Amino acid sequence: MRSTRGSENESSGIHAAMLTFLRLDAKSPGSVKPALAARVCENDTELLLSLIRWNKEQEISWRTARDAEADDPNDEADVCEHERARAQRTTKLLRKALRLVANEGRYQRL
């Protein structure tokens, strides 16, 4: 049986942990706490760093799209801004989770 750890969802190209965050955020924006985020990522610092980079890239893409749609009368810019803000929130969450994981590792070595 193949492990899914570190892999991406084959149909969407998004890592399974990131899909979990997106689904949880869609149900209740901002409800995921850093400890849960760390557990979803199995306390894997490399995975957390990878997801932080992915979300920063998403934030940049959504900001670029928002700016390109600034004069669009169909409110596309608002949709892009909403997604940019979500990516920014997720990045902040993942950074907090990374700090938790790093601190736990430090205390375990003492």
PDB file of N, CA and C in Angstrom:
ATOM      1  N   MET A   1       0.835  -1.178   0.000  1.00  0.00           N
ATOM      2  CA  MET A   1       0.000   0.000   0.000  1.00  0.00           C
ATOM      3  C   MET A   1       0.881   1.243   0.000  1.00  0.00           C
ATOM      4  N   ARG A   2       0.583   2.201  -0.848  1.00  0.00           N
ATOM      5  CA  ARG A   2       1.383   3.399  -0.995  1.00  0.00           C
ATOM      6  C   ARG A   2       1.002   4.430   0.048  1.00  0.00           C
ATOM      7  N   SER A   3       1.988   5.046   0.663  1.00  0.00           N
ATOM      8  CA  SER A   3       1.749   6.088   1.664  1.00  0.00           C
ATOM      9  C   SER A   3       1.341   7.376   0.961  1.00  0.00           C
ATOM     10  N   THR A   4       0.423   8.121   1.574  1.00  0.00           N
ATOM     11  CA  THR A   4       0.016   9.405   1.016  1.00  0.00           C
ATOM     12  C   THR A   4       0.768  10.550   1.659  1.00  0.00           C
ATOM     13  N   ARG A   5       1.584  10.251   2.663  1.00  0.00           N
ATOM     14  CA  ARG A   5       2.320  11.306   3.333  1.00  0.00           C
ATOM     15  C   ARG A   5       3.253  11.986   2.333  1.00  0.00           C
ATOM     16  N   GLY A   6       3.134  13.311   2.264  1.00  0.00           N
ATOM     17  CA  GLY A   6       3.985  14.065   1.364  1.00  0.00           C
ATOM     18  C   GLY A   6       3.504  14.049  -0.075  1.00  0.00           C
ATOM     19  N   SER A   7       2.440  13.335  -0.357  1.00  0.00           N
ATOM     20  CA  SER A   7       1.957  13.270  -1.731  1.00  0.00           C
ATOM     21  C   SER A   7       0.852  14.297  -1.943  1.00  0.00           C
ATOM     22  N   GLU A   8       0.522  14.476  -3.194  1.00  0.00           N
ATOM     23  CA  GLU A   8      -0.550  15.395  -3.542  1.00  0.00           C
ATOM     24  C   GLU A   8      -1.740  14.608  -4.038  1.00  0.00           C
ATOM     25  N   ASN A   9      -2.916  15.189  -3.866  1.00  0.00           N
ATOM     26  CA  ASN A   9      -4.124  14.587  -4.380  1.00  0.00           C
ATOM     27  C   ASN A   9      -3.994  14.547  -5.892  1.00  0.00           C
ATOM     28  N   GLU A  10      -4.089  13.371  -6.469  1.00  0.00           N
ATOM     29  CA  GLU A  10      -3.845  13.220  -7.900  1.00  0.00           C
ATOM     30  C   GLU A  10      -4.845  13.957  -8.773  1.00  0.00           C
ATOM     31  N   SER A  11      -6.071  14.122  -8.314  1.00  0.00           N
ATOM     32  CA  SER A  11      -7.076  14.775  -9.157  1.00  0.00           C
ATOM     33  C   SER A  11      -6.949  16.287  -9.136  1.00  0.00           C
ATOM     34  N   SER A  12      -6.467  16.866  -8.057  1.00  0.00           N
ATOM     35  CA  SER A  12      -6.429  18.320  -7.984  1.00  0.00           C
ATOM     36  C   SER A  12      -5.031  18.903  -7.917  1.00  0.00           C
ATOM     37  N   GLY A  13      -4.019  18.088  -7.626  1.00  0.00           N
ATOM     38  CA  GLY A  13      -2.676  18.614  -7.495  1.00  0.00           C
ATOM     39  C   GLY A  13      -2.441  19.324  -6.181  1.00  0.00           C
ATOM     40  N   ILE A  14      -3.366  19.218  -5.257  1.00  0.00           N
ATOM     41  CA  ILE A  14      -3.250  19.854  -3.948  1.00  0.00           C
ATOM     42  C   ILE A  14      -2.993  18.770  -2.910  1.00  0.00           C
ATOM     43  N   HIS A  15      -2.035  19.025  -2.037  1.00  0.00           N
ATOM     44  CA  HIS A  15      -1.687  18.058  -1.001  1.00  0.00           C
ATOM     45  C   HIS A  15      -2.924  17.750  -0.146  1.00  0.00           C
ATOM     46  N   ALA A  16      -3.046  16.519   0.298  1.00  0.00           N
ATOM     47  CA  ALA A  16      -4.203  16.080   1.093  1.00  0.00           C
ATOM     48  C   ALA A  16      -4.377  16.918   2.359  1.00  0.00           C
ATOM     49  N   ALA A  17      -3.281  17.294   3.006  1.00  0.00           N
ATOM     50  CA  ALA A  17      -3.386  18.134   4.207  1.00  0.00           C
ATOM     51  C   ALA A  17      -3.980  19.492   3.852  1.00  0.00           C
ATOM     52  N   MET A  18      -3.565  20.053   2.709  1.00  0.00           N
ATOM     53  CA  MET A  18      -4.107  21.346   2.290  1.00  0.00           C
ATOM     54  C   MET A  18      -5.589  21.235   1.964  1.00  0.00           C
ATOM     55  N   LEU A  19      -5.996  20.128   1.354  1.00  0.00           N
ATOM     56  CA  LEU A  19      -7.423  19.916   1.082  1.00  0.00           C
ATOM     57  C   LEU A  19      -8.211  19.882   2.392  1.00  0.00           C
ATOM     58  N   THR A  20      -7.630  19.267   3.414  1.00  0.00           N
ATOM     59  CA  THR A  20      -8.286  19.232   4.723  1.00  0.00           C
ATOM     60  C   THR A  20      -8.479  20.644   5.256  1.00  0.00           C
ATOM     61  N   PHE A  21      -7.435  21.469   5.180  1.00  0.00           N
ATOM     62  CA  PHE A  21      -7.558  22.855   5.653  1.00  0.00           C
ATOM     63  C   PHE A  21      -8.605  23.627   4.869  1.00  0.00           C
ATOM     64  N   LEU A  22      -8.628  23.440   3.558  1.00  0.00           N
ATOM     65  CA  LEU A  22      -9.608  24.144   2.728  1.00  0.00           C
ATOM     66  C   LEU A  22     -11.040  23.747   3.098  1.00  0.00           C
ATOM     67  N   ARG A  23     -11.240  22.457   3.327  1.00  0.00           N
ATOM     68  CA  ARG A  23     -12.585  21.984   3.691  1.00  0.00           C
ATOM     69  C   ARG A  23     -12.997  22.500   5.065  1.00  0.00           C
ATOM     70  N   LEU A  24     -12.088  22.452   6.024  1.00  0.00           N
ATOM     71  CA  LEU A  24     -12.408  22.945   7.367  1.00  0.00           C
ATOM     72  C   LEU A  24     -12.666  24.445   7.353  1.00  0.00           C
ATOM     73  N   ASP A  25     -11.869  25.174   6.594  1.00  0.00           N
ATOM     74  CA  ASP A  25     -12.041  26.623   6.509  1.00  0.00           C
ATOM     75  C   ASP A  25     -13.352  26.988   5.816  1.00  0.00           C
ATOM     76  N   ALA A  26     -13.740  26.201   4.829  1.00  0.00           N
ATOM     77  CA  ALA A  26     -14.992  26.473   4.126  1.00  0.00           C
ATOM     78  C   ALA A  26     -16.187  26.326   5.061  1.00  0.00           C
ATOM     79  N   LYS A  27     -16.111  25.347   5.966  1.00  0.00           N
ATOM     80  CA  LYS A  27     -17.216  25.127   6.913  1.00  0.00           C
ATOM     81  C   LYS A  27     -17.260  26.197   7.989  1.00  0.00           C
ATOM     82  N   SER A  28     -16.085  26.602   8.469  1.00  0.00           N
ATOM     83  CA  SER A  28     -16.010  27.585   9.550  1.00  0.00           C
ATOM     84  C   SER A  28     -14.699  28.358   9.433  1.00  0.00           C
ATOM     85  N   PRO A  29     -14.706  29.443   8.656  1.00  0.00           N
ATOM     86  CA  PRO A  29     -13.473  30.198   8.425  1.00  0.00           C
ATOM     87  C   PRO A  29     -12.772  30.601   9.725  1.00  0.00           C
ATOM     88  N   GLY A  30     -11.483  30.324   9.757  1.00  0.00           N
ATOM     89  CA  GLY A  30     -10.679  30.711  10.912  1.00  0.00           C
ATOM     90  C   GLY A  30     -10.796  29.807  12.122  1.00  0.00           C
ATOM     91  N   SER A  31     -11.502  28.690  11.997  1.00  0.00           N
ATOM     92  CA  SER A  31     -11.747  27.839  13.161  1.00  0.00           C
ATOM     93  C   SER A  31     -10.609  26.867  13.471  1.00  0.00           C
ATOM     94  N   VAL A  32      -9.739  26.614  12.511  1.00  0.00           N
ATOM     95  CA  VAL A  32      -8.648  25.663  12.727  1.00  0.00           C
ATOM     96  C   VAL A  32      -7.563  26.339  13.570  1.00  0.00           C
ATOM     97  N   LYS A  33      -7.173  25.678  14.635  1.00  0.00           N
ATOM     98  CA  LYS A  33      -6.142  26.189  15.539  1.00  0.00           C
ATOM     99  C   LYS A  33      -4.785  25.601  15.158  1.00  0.00           C
ATOM    100  N   PRO A  34      -3.697  26.258  15.551  1.00  0.00           N
ATOM    101  CA  PRO A  34      -2.366  25.780  15.201  1.00  0.00           C
ATOM    102  C   PRO A  34      -2.081  24.334  15.623  1.00  0.00           C
ATOM    103  N   ALA A  35      -2.552  23.917  16.776  1.00  0.00           N
ATOM    104  CA  ALA A  35      -2.297  22.540  17.229  1.00  0.00           C
ATOM    105  C   ALA A  35      -2.953  21.533  16.290  1.00  0.00           C
ATOM    106  N   LEU A  36      -4.157  21.816  15.835  1.00  0.00           N
ATOM    107  CA  LEU A  36      -4.827  20.923  14.890  1.00  0.00           C
ATOM    108  C   LEU A  36      -4.090  20.920  13.556  1.00  0.00           C
ATOM    109  N   ALA A  37      -3.665  22.094  13.110  1.00  0.00           N
ATOM    110  CA  ALA A  37      -2.926  22.181  11.846  1.00  0.00           C
ATOM    111  C   ALA A  37      -1.645  21.348  11.923  1.00  0.00           C
ATOM    112  N   ALA A  38      -0.963  21.407  13.055  1.00  0.00           N
ATOM    113  CA  ALA A  38       0.257  20.608  13.227  1.00  0.00           C
ATOM    114  C   ALA A  38      -0.059  19.119  13.162  1.00  0.00           C
ATOM    115  N   ARG A  39      -1.171  18.715  13.798  1.00  0.00           N
ATOM    116  CA  ARG A  39      -1.557  17.301  13.767  1.00  0.00           C
ATOM    117  C   ARG A  39      -1.937  16.853  12.366  1.00  0.00           C
ATOM    118  N   VAL A  40      -2.677  17.686  11.641  1.00  0.00           N
ATOM    119  CA  VAL A  40      -3.055  17.344  10.266  1.00  0.00           C
ATOM    120  C   VAL A  40      -1.795  17.120   9.423  1.00  0.00           C
ATOM    121  N   CYS A  41      -0.751  17.881   9.710  1.00  0.00           N
ATOM    122  CA  CYS A  41       0.515  17.753   8.980  1.00  0.00           C
ATOM    123  C   CYS A  41       1.458  16.755   9.653  1.00  0.00           C
ATOM    124  N   GLU A  42       0.943  15.996  10.603  1.00  0.00           N
ATOM    125  CA  GLU A  42       1.711  14.965  11.305  1.00  0.00           C
ATOM    126  C   GLU A  42       3.000  15.515  11.912  1.00  0.00           C
ATOM    127  N   ASN A  43       2.949  16.777  12.372  1.00  0.00           N
ATOM    128  CA  ASN A  43       4.109  17.446  12.986  1.00  0.00           C
ATOM    129  C   ASN A  43       5.344  17.410  12.090  1.00  0.00           C
ATOM    130  N   ASP A  44       5.123  17.429  10.795  1.00  0.00           N
ATOM    131  CA  ASP A  44       6.189  17.347   9.798  1.00  0.00           C
ATOM    132  C   ASP A  44       6.597  18.762   9.378  1.00  0.00           C
ATOM    133  N   THR A  45       7.780  19.197   9.819  1.00  0.00           N
ATOM    134  CA  THR A  45       8.213  20.561   9.514  1.00  0.00           C
ATOM    135  C   THR A  45       8.378  20.792   8.014  1.00  0.00           C
ATOM    136  N   GLU A  46       8.864  19.786   7.298  1.00  0.00           N
ATOM    137  CA  GLU A  46       9.040  19.944   5.849  1.00  0.00           C
ATOM    138  C   GLU A  46       7.689  20.128   5.153  1.00  0.00           C
ATOM    139  N   LEU A  47       6.692  19.371   5.580  1.00  0.00           N
ATOM    140  CA  LEU A  47       5.359  19.519   4.996  1.00  0.00           C
ATOM    141  C   LEU A  47       4.789  20.893   5.325  1.00  0.00           C
ATOM    142  N   LEU A  48       4.939  21.322   6.566  1.00  0.00           N
ATOM    143  CA  LEU A  48       4.448  22.650   6.942  1.00  0.00           C
ATOM    144  C   LEU A  48       5.120  23.736   6.103  1.00  0.00           C
ATOM    145  N   LEU A  49       6.422  23.640   5.948  1.00  0.00           N
ATOM    146  CA  LEU A  49       7.138  24.620   5.126  1.00  0.00           C
ATOM    147  C   LEU A  49       6.669  24.592   3.676  1.00  0.00           C
ATOM    148  N   SER A  50       6.438  23.408   3.158  1.00  0.00           N
ATOM    149  CA  SER A  50       5.949  23.263   1.790  1.00  0.00           C
ATOM    150  C   SER A  50       4.569  23.905   1.624  1.00  0.00           C
ATOM    151  N   LEU A  51       3.698  23.675   2.586  1.00  0.00           N
ATOM    152  CA  LEU A  51       2.352  24.257   2.513  1.00  0.00           C
ATOM    153  C   LEU A  51       2.376  25.768   2.705  1.00  0.00           C
ATOM    154  N   ILE A  52       3.303  26.257   3.517  1.00  0.00           N
ATOM    155  CA  ILE A  52       3.458  27.710   3.678  1.00  0.00           C
ATOM    156  C   ILE A  52       3.863  28.318   2.340  1.00  0.00           C
ATOM    157  N   ARG A  53       4.852  27.717   1.680  1.00  0.00           N
ATOM    158  CA  ARG A  53       5.277  28.224   0.364  1.00  0.00           C
ATOM    159  C   ARG A  53       4.125  28.175  -0.632  1.00  0.00           C
ATOM    160  N   TRP A  54       3.392  27.068  -0.652  1.00  0.00           N
ATOM    161  CA  TRP A  54       2.270  26.922  -1.587  1.00  0.00           C
ATOM    162  C   TRP A  54       1.235  28.020  -1.362  1.00  0.00           C
ATOM    163  N   ASN A  55       0.920  28.278  -0.095  1.00  0.00           N
ATOM    164  CA  ASN A  55      -0.081  29.304   0.207  1.00  0.00           C
ATOM    165  C   ASN A  55       0.411  30.702  -0.127  1.00  0.00           C
ATOM    166  N   LYS A  56       1.699  30.975   0.068  1.00  0.00           N
ATOM    167  CA  LYS A  56       2.249  32.282  -0.324  1.00  0.00           C
ATOM    168  C   LYS A  56       2.136  32.456  -1.838  1.00  0.00           C
ATOM    169  N   GLU A  57       2.401  31.401  -2.576  1.00  0.00           N
ATOM    170  CA  GLU A  57       2.245  31.466  -4.035  1.00  0.00           C
ATOM    171  C   GLU A  57       0.795  31.715  -4.417  1.00  0.00           C
ATOM    172  N   GLN A  58      -0.123  31.058  -3.711  1.00  0.00           N
ATOM    173  CA  GLN A  58      -1.547  31.269  -3.973  1.00  0.00           C
ATOM    174  C   GLN A  58      -1.941  32.715  -3.678  1.00  0.00           C
ATOM    175  N   GLU A  59      -1.443  33.228  -2.574  1.00  0.00           N
ATOM    176  CA  GLU A  59      -1.750  34.608  -2.197  1.00  0.00           C
ATOM    177  C   GLU A  59      -1.278  35.583  -3.283  1.00  0.00           C
ATOM    178  N   ILE A  60      -0.078  35.366  -3.781  1.00  0.00           N
ATOM    179  CA  ILE A  60       0.458  36.223  -4.849  1.00  0.00           C
ATOM    180  C   ILE A  60      -0.399  36.098  -6.110  1.00  0.00           C
ATOM    181  N   SER A  61      -0.776  34.887  -6.469  1.00  0.00           N
ATOM    182  CA  SER A  61      -1.602  34.677  -7.668  1.00  0.00           C
ATOM    183  C   SER A  61      -2.959  35.358  -7.539  1.00  0.00           C
ATOM    184  N   TRP A  62      -3.579  35.216  -6.366  1.00  0.00           N
ATOM    185  CA  TRP A  62      -4.892  35.842  -6.174  1.00  0.00           C
ATOM    186  C   TRP A  62      -4.776  37.367  -6.149  1.00  0.00           C
ATOM    187  N   ARG A  63      -3.702  37.898  -5.583  1.00  0.00           N
ATOM    188  CA  ARG A  63      -3.502  39.351  -5.576  1.00  0.00           C
ATOM    189  C   ARG A  63      -3.334  39.862  -7.001  1.00  0.00           C
ATOM    190  N   THR A  64      -2.556  39.146  -7.800  1.00  0.00           N
ATOM    191  CA  THR A  64      -2.341  39.524  -9.193  1.00  0.00           C
ATOM    192  C   THR A  64      -3.667  39.492  -9.961  1.00  0.00           C
ATOM    193  N   ALA A  65      -4.450  38.438  -9.746  1.00  0.00           N
ATOM    194  CA  ALA A  65      -5.758  38.328 -10.411  1.00  0.00           C
ATOM    195  C   ALA A  65      -6.693  39.434  -9.958  1.00  0.00           C
ATOM    196  N   ARG A  66      -6.679  39.727  -8.657  1.00  0.00           N
ATOM    197  CA  ARG A  66      -7.525  40.807  -8.127  1.00  0.00           C
ATOM    198  C   ARG A  66      -7.185  42.128  -8.786  1.00  0.00           C
ATOM    199  N   ASP A  67      -5.901  42.422  -8.881  1.00  0.00           N
ATOM    200  CA  ASP A  67      -5.477  43.686  -9.482  1.00  0.00           C
ATOM    201  C   ASP A  67      -5.827  43.752 -10.964  1.00  0.00           C
ATOM    202  N   ALA A  68      -5.771  42.619 -11.646  1.00  0.00           N
ATOM    203  CA  ALA A  68      -6.121  42.578 -13.068  1.00  0.00           C
ATOM    204  C   ALA A  68      -7.620  42.770 -13.275  1.00  0.00           C
ATOM    205  N   GLU A  69      -8.412  42.398 -12.282  1.00  0.00           N
ATOM    206  CA  GLU A  69      -9.874  42.481 -12.387  1.00  0.00           C
ATOM    207  C   GLU A  69     -10.437  43.736 -11.714  1.00  0.00           C
ATOM    208  N   ALA A  70      -9.592  44.669 -11.342  1.00  0.00           N
ATOM    209  CA  ALA A  70     -10.022  45.837 -10.571  1.00  0.00           C
ATOM    210  C   ALA A  70     -11.157  46.621 -11.237  1.00  0.00           C
ATOM    211  N   ASP A  71     -11.183  46.675 -12.547  1.00  0.00           N
ATOM    212  CA  ASP A  71     -12.208  47.441 -13.256  1.00  0.00           C
ATOM    213  C   ASP A  71     -13.362  46.583 -13.752  1.00  0.00           C
ATOM    214  N   ASP A  72     -13.394  45.311 -13.383  1.00  0.00           N
ATOM    215  CA  ASP A  72     -14.440  44.389 -13.843  1.00  0.00           C
ATOM    216  C   ASP A  72     -15.740  44.651 -13.085  1.00  0.00           C
ATOM    217  N   PRO A  73     -16.823  44.908 -13.795  1.00  0.00           N
ATOM    218  CA  PRO A  73     -18.101  45.183 -13.132  1.00  0.00           C
ATOM    219  C   PRO A  73     -18.758  43.937 -12.526  1.00  0.00           C
ATOM    220  N   ASN A  74     -18.221  42.749 -12.757  1.00  0.00           N
ATOM    221  CA  ASN A  74     -18.833  41.509 -12.268  1.00  0.00           C
ATOM    222  C   ASN A  74     -18.320  41.082 -10.901  1.00  0.00           C
ATOM    223  N   ASP A  75     -17.651  41.947 -10.188  1.00  0.00           N
ATOM    224  CA  ASP A  75     -17.154  41.684  -8.841  1.00  0.00           C
ATOM    225  C   ASP A  75     -16.139  40.546  -8.773  1.00  0.00           C
ATOM    226  N   GLU A  76     -15.472  40.257  -9.875  1.00  0.00           N
ATOM    227  CA  GLU A  76     -14.433  39.226  -9.860  1.00  0.00           C
ATOM    228  C   GLU A  76     -13.310  39.605  -8.901  1.00  0.00           C
ATOM    229  N   ALA A  77     -13.027  40.895  -8.793  1.00  0.00           N
ATOM    230  CA  ALA A  77     -11.969  41.348  -7.888  1.00  0.00           C
ATOM    231  C   ALA A  77     -12.304  40.989  -6.447  1.00  0.00           C
ATOM    232  N   ASP A  78     -13.582  41.047  -6.075  1.00  0.00           N
ATOM    233  CA  ASP A  78     -13.995  40.688  -4.715  1.00  0.00           C
ATOM    234  C   ASP A  78     -13.754  39.210  -4.434  1.00  0.00           C
ATOM    235  N   VAL A  79     -14.035  38.370  -5.412  1.00  0.00           N
ATOM    236  CA  VAL A  79     -13.797  36.931  -5.270  1.00  0.00           C
ATOM    237  C   VAL A  79     -12.302  36.680  -5.100  1.00  0.00           C
ATOM    238  N   CYS A  80     -11.507  37.334  -5.923  1.00  0.00           N
ATOM    239  CA  CYS A  80     -10.052  37.171  -5.837  1.00  0.00           C
ATOM    240  C   CYS A  80      -9.533  37.647  -4.484  1.00  0.00           C
ATOM    241  N   GLU A  81     -10.052  38.746  -3.991  1.00  0.00           N
ATOM    242  CA  GLU A  81      -9.623  39.262  -2.687  1.00  0.00           C
ATOM    243  C   GLU A  81     -10.014  38.308  -1.566  1.00  0.00           C
ATOM    244  N   HIS A  82     -11.187  37.726  -1.663  1.00  0.00           N
ATOM    245  CA  HIS A  82     -11.619  36.743  -0.659  1.00  0.00           C
ATOM    246  C   HIS A  82     -10.657  35.560  -0.622  1.00  0.00           C
ATOM    247  N   GLU A  83     -10.288  35.054  -1.770  1.00  0.00           N
ATOM    248  CA  GLU A  83      -9.364  33.924  -1.854  1.00  0.00           C
ATOM    249  C   GLU A  83      -7.951  34.318  -1.407  1.00  0.00           C
ATOM    250  N   ARG A  84      -7.532  35.530  -1.729  1.00  0.00           N
ATOM    251  CA  ARG A  84      -6.232  36.008  -1.278  1.00  0.00           C
ATOM    252  C   ARG A  84      -6.185  36.059   0.248  1.00  0.00           C
ATOM    253  N   ALA A  85      -7.254  36.577   0.847  1.00  0.00           N
ATOM    254  CA  ALA A  85      -7.321  36.669   2.306  1.00  0.00           C
ATOM    255  C   ALA A  85      -7.323  35.277   2.945  1.00  0.00           C
ATOM    256  N   ARG A  86      -7.997  34.317   2.320  1.00  0.00           N
ATOM    257  CA  ARG A  86      -8.008  32.946   2.835  1.00  0.00           C
ATOM    258  C   ARG A  86      -6.603  32.355   2.807  1.00  0.00           C
ATOM    259  N   ALA A  87      -5.901  32.563   1.707  1.00  0.00           N
ATOM    260  CA  ALA A  87      -4.527  32.056   1.597  1.00  0.00           C
ATOM    261  C   ALA A  87      -3.629  32.704   2.640  1.00  0.00           C
ATOM    262  N   GLN A  88      -3.830  33.985   2.875  1.00  0.00           N
ATOM    263  CA  GLN A  88      -3.044  34.682   3.893  1.00  0.00           C
ATOM    264  C   GLN A  88      -3.330  34.131   5.293  1.00  0.00           C
ATOM    265  N   ARG A  89      -4.609  33.894   5.607  1.00  0.00           N
ATOM    266  CA  ARG A  89      -4.980  33.308   6.908  1.00  0.00           C
ATOM    267  C   ARG A  89      -4.351  31.930   7.093  1.00  0.00           C
ATOM    268  N   THR A  90      -4.390  31.144   6.028  1.00  0.00           N
ATOM    269  CA  THR A  90      -3.840  29.794   6.099  1.00  0.00           C
ATOM    270  C   THR A  90      -2.325  29.845   6.292  1.00  0.00           C
ATOM    271  N   THR A  91      -1.660  30.771   5.631  1.00  0.00           N
ATOM    272  CA  THR A  91      -0.217  30.926   5.806  1.00  0.00           C
ATOM    273  C   THR A  91       0.106  31.259   7.264  1.00  0.00           C
ATOM    274  N   LYS A  92      -0.641  32.175   7.840  1.00  0.00           N
ATOM    275  CA  LYS A  92      -0.420  32.544   9.246  1.00  0.00           C
ATOM    276  C   LYS A  92      -0.654  31.347  10.165  1.00  0.00           C
ATOM    277  N   LEU A  93      -1.701  30.596   9.902  1.00  0.00           N
ATOM    278  CA  LEU A  93      -2.001  29.403  10.692  1.00  0.00           C
ATOM    279  C   LEU A  93      -0.858  28.399  10.610  1.00  0.00           C
ATOM    280  N   LEU A  94      -0.372  28.136   9.407  1.00  0.00           N
ATOM    281  CA  LEU A  94       0.693  27.165   9.218  1.00  0.00           C
ATOM    282  C   LEU A  94       1.995  27.619   9.870  1.00  0.00           C
ATOM    283  N   ARG A  95       2.259  28.909   9.863  1.00  0.00           N
ATOM    284  CA  ARG A  95       3.456  29.428  10.549  1.00  0.00           C
ATOM    285  C   ARG A  95       3.349  29.204  12.054  1.00  0.00           C
ATOM    286  N   LYS A  96       2.169  29.418  12.606  1.00  0.00           N
ATOM    287  CA  LYS A  96       1.968  29.162  14.037  1.00  0.00           C
ATOM    288  C   LYS A  96       2.126  27.673  14.343  1.00  0.00           C
ATOM    289  N   ALA A  97       1.606  26.834  13.466  1.00  0.00           N
ATOM    290  CA  ALA A  97       1.743  25.386  13.653  1.00  0.00           C
ATOM    291  C   ALA A  97       3.214  24.991  13.589  1.00  0.00           C
ATOM    292  N   LEU A  98       3.958  25.589  12.674  1.00  0.00           N
ATOM    293  CA  LEU A  98       5.386  25.300  12.553  1.00  0.00           C
ATOM    294  C   LEU A  98       6.121  25.687  13.830  1.00  0.00           C
ATOM    295  N   ARG A  99       5.766  26.837  14.407  1.00  0.00           N
ATOM    296  CA  ARG A  99       6.383  27.240  15.674  1.00  0.00           C
ATOM    297  C   ARG A  99       6.100  26.220  16.771  1.00  0.00           C
ATOM    298  N   LEU A 100       4.855  25.734  16.822  1.00  0.00           N
ATOM    299  CA  LEU A 100       4.515  24.713  17.818  1.00  0.00           C
ATOM    300  C   LEU A 100       5.360  23.455  17.646  1.00  0.00           C
ATOM    301  N   VAL A 101       5.461  22.986  16.432  1.00  0.00           N
ATOM    302  CA  VAL A 101       6.231  21.774  16.149  1.00  0.00           C
ATOM    303  C   VAL A 101       7.699  22.001  16.502  1.00  0.00           C
ATOM    304  N   ALA A 102       8.234  23.147  16.134  1.00  0.00           N
ATOM    305  CA  ALA A 102       9.639  23.444  16.424  1.00  0.00           C
ATOM    306  C   ALA A 102       9.876  23.517  17.933  1.00  0.00           C
ATOM    307  N   ASN A 103       8.968  24.129  18.658  1.00  0.00           N
ATOM    308  CA  ASN A 103       9.107  24.236  20.109  1.00  0.00           C
ATOM    309  C   ASN A 103       8.993  22.869  20.777  1.00  0.00           C
ATOM    310  N   GLU A 104       8.074  22.037  20.311  1.00  0.00           N
ATOM    311  CA  GLU A 104       7.940  20.681  20.871  1.00  0.00           C
ATOM    312  C   GLU A 104       9.222  19.889  20.658  1.00  0.00           C
ATOM    313  N   GLY A 105       9.805  20.016  19.486  1.00  0.00           N
ATOM    314  CA  GLY A 105      11.055  19.326  19.196  1.00  0.00           C
ATOM    315  C   GLY A 105      12.177  19.810  20.085  1.00  0.00           C
ATOM    316  N   ARG A 106      12.204  21.082  20.360  1.00  0.00           N
ATOM    317  CA  ARG A 106      13.240  21.654  21.217  1.00  0.00           C
ATOM    318  C   ARG A 106      13.107  21.121  22.642  1.00  0.00           C
ATOM    319  N   TYR A 107      11.869  21.052  23.159  1.00  0.00           N
ATOM    320  CA  TYR A 107      11.658  20.558  24.525  1.00  0.00           C
ATOM    321  C   TYR A 107      11.944  19.071  24.636  1.00  0.00           C
ATOM    322  N   GLN A 108      11.705  18.320  23.586  1.00  0.00           N
ATOM    323  CA  GLN A 108      11.973  16.884  23.626  1.00  0.00           C
ATOM    324  C   GLN A 108      13.463  16.598  23.681  1.00  0.00           C
ATOM    325  N   ARG A 109      14.291  17.507  23.152  1.00  0.00           N
ATOM    326  CA  ARG A 109      15.734  17.313  23.154  1.00  0.00           C
ATOM    327  C   ARG A 109      16.348  17.684  24.497  1.00  0.00           C
ATOM    328  N   LEU A 110      15.650  18.423  25.337  1.00  0.00           N
ATOM    329  CA  LEU A 110      16.214  18.863  26.630  1.00  0.00           C
ATOM    330  C   LEU A 110      16.347  17.721  27.602  1.00  0.00           C
TER     331      LEU A 110
END
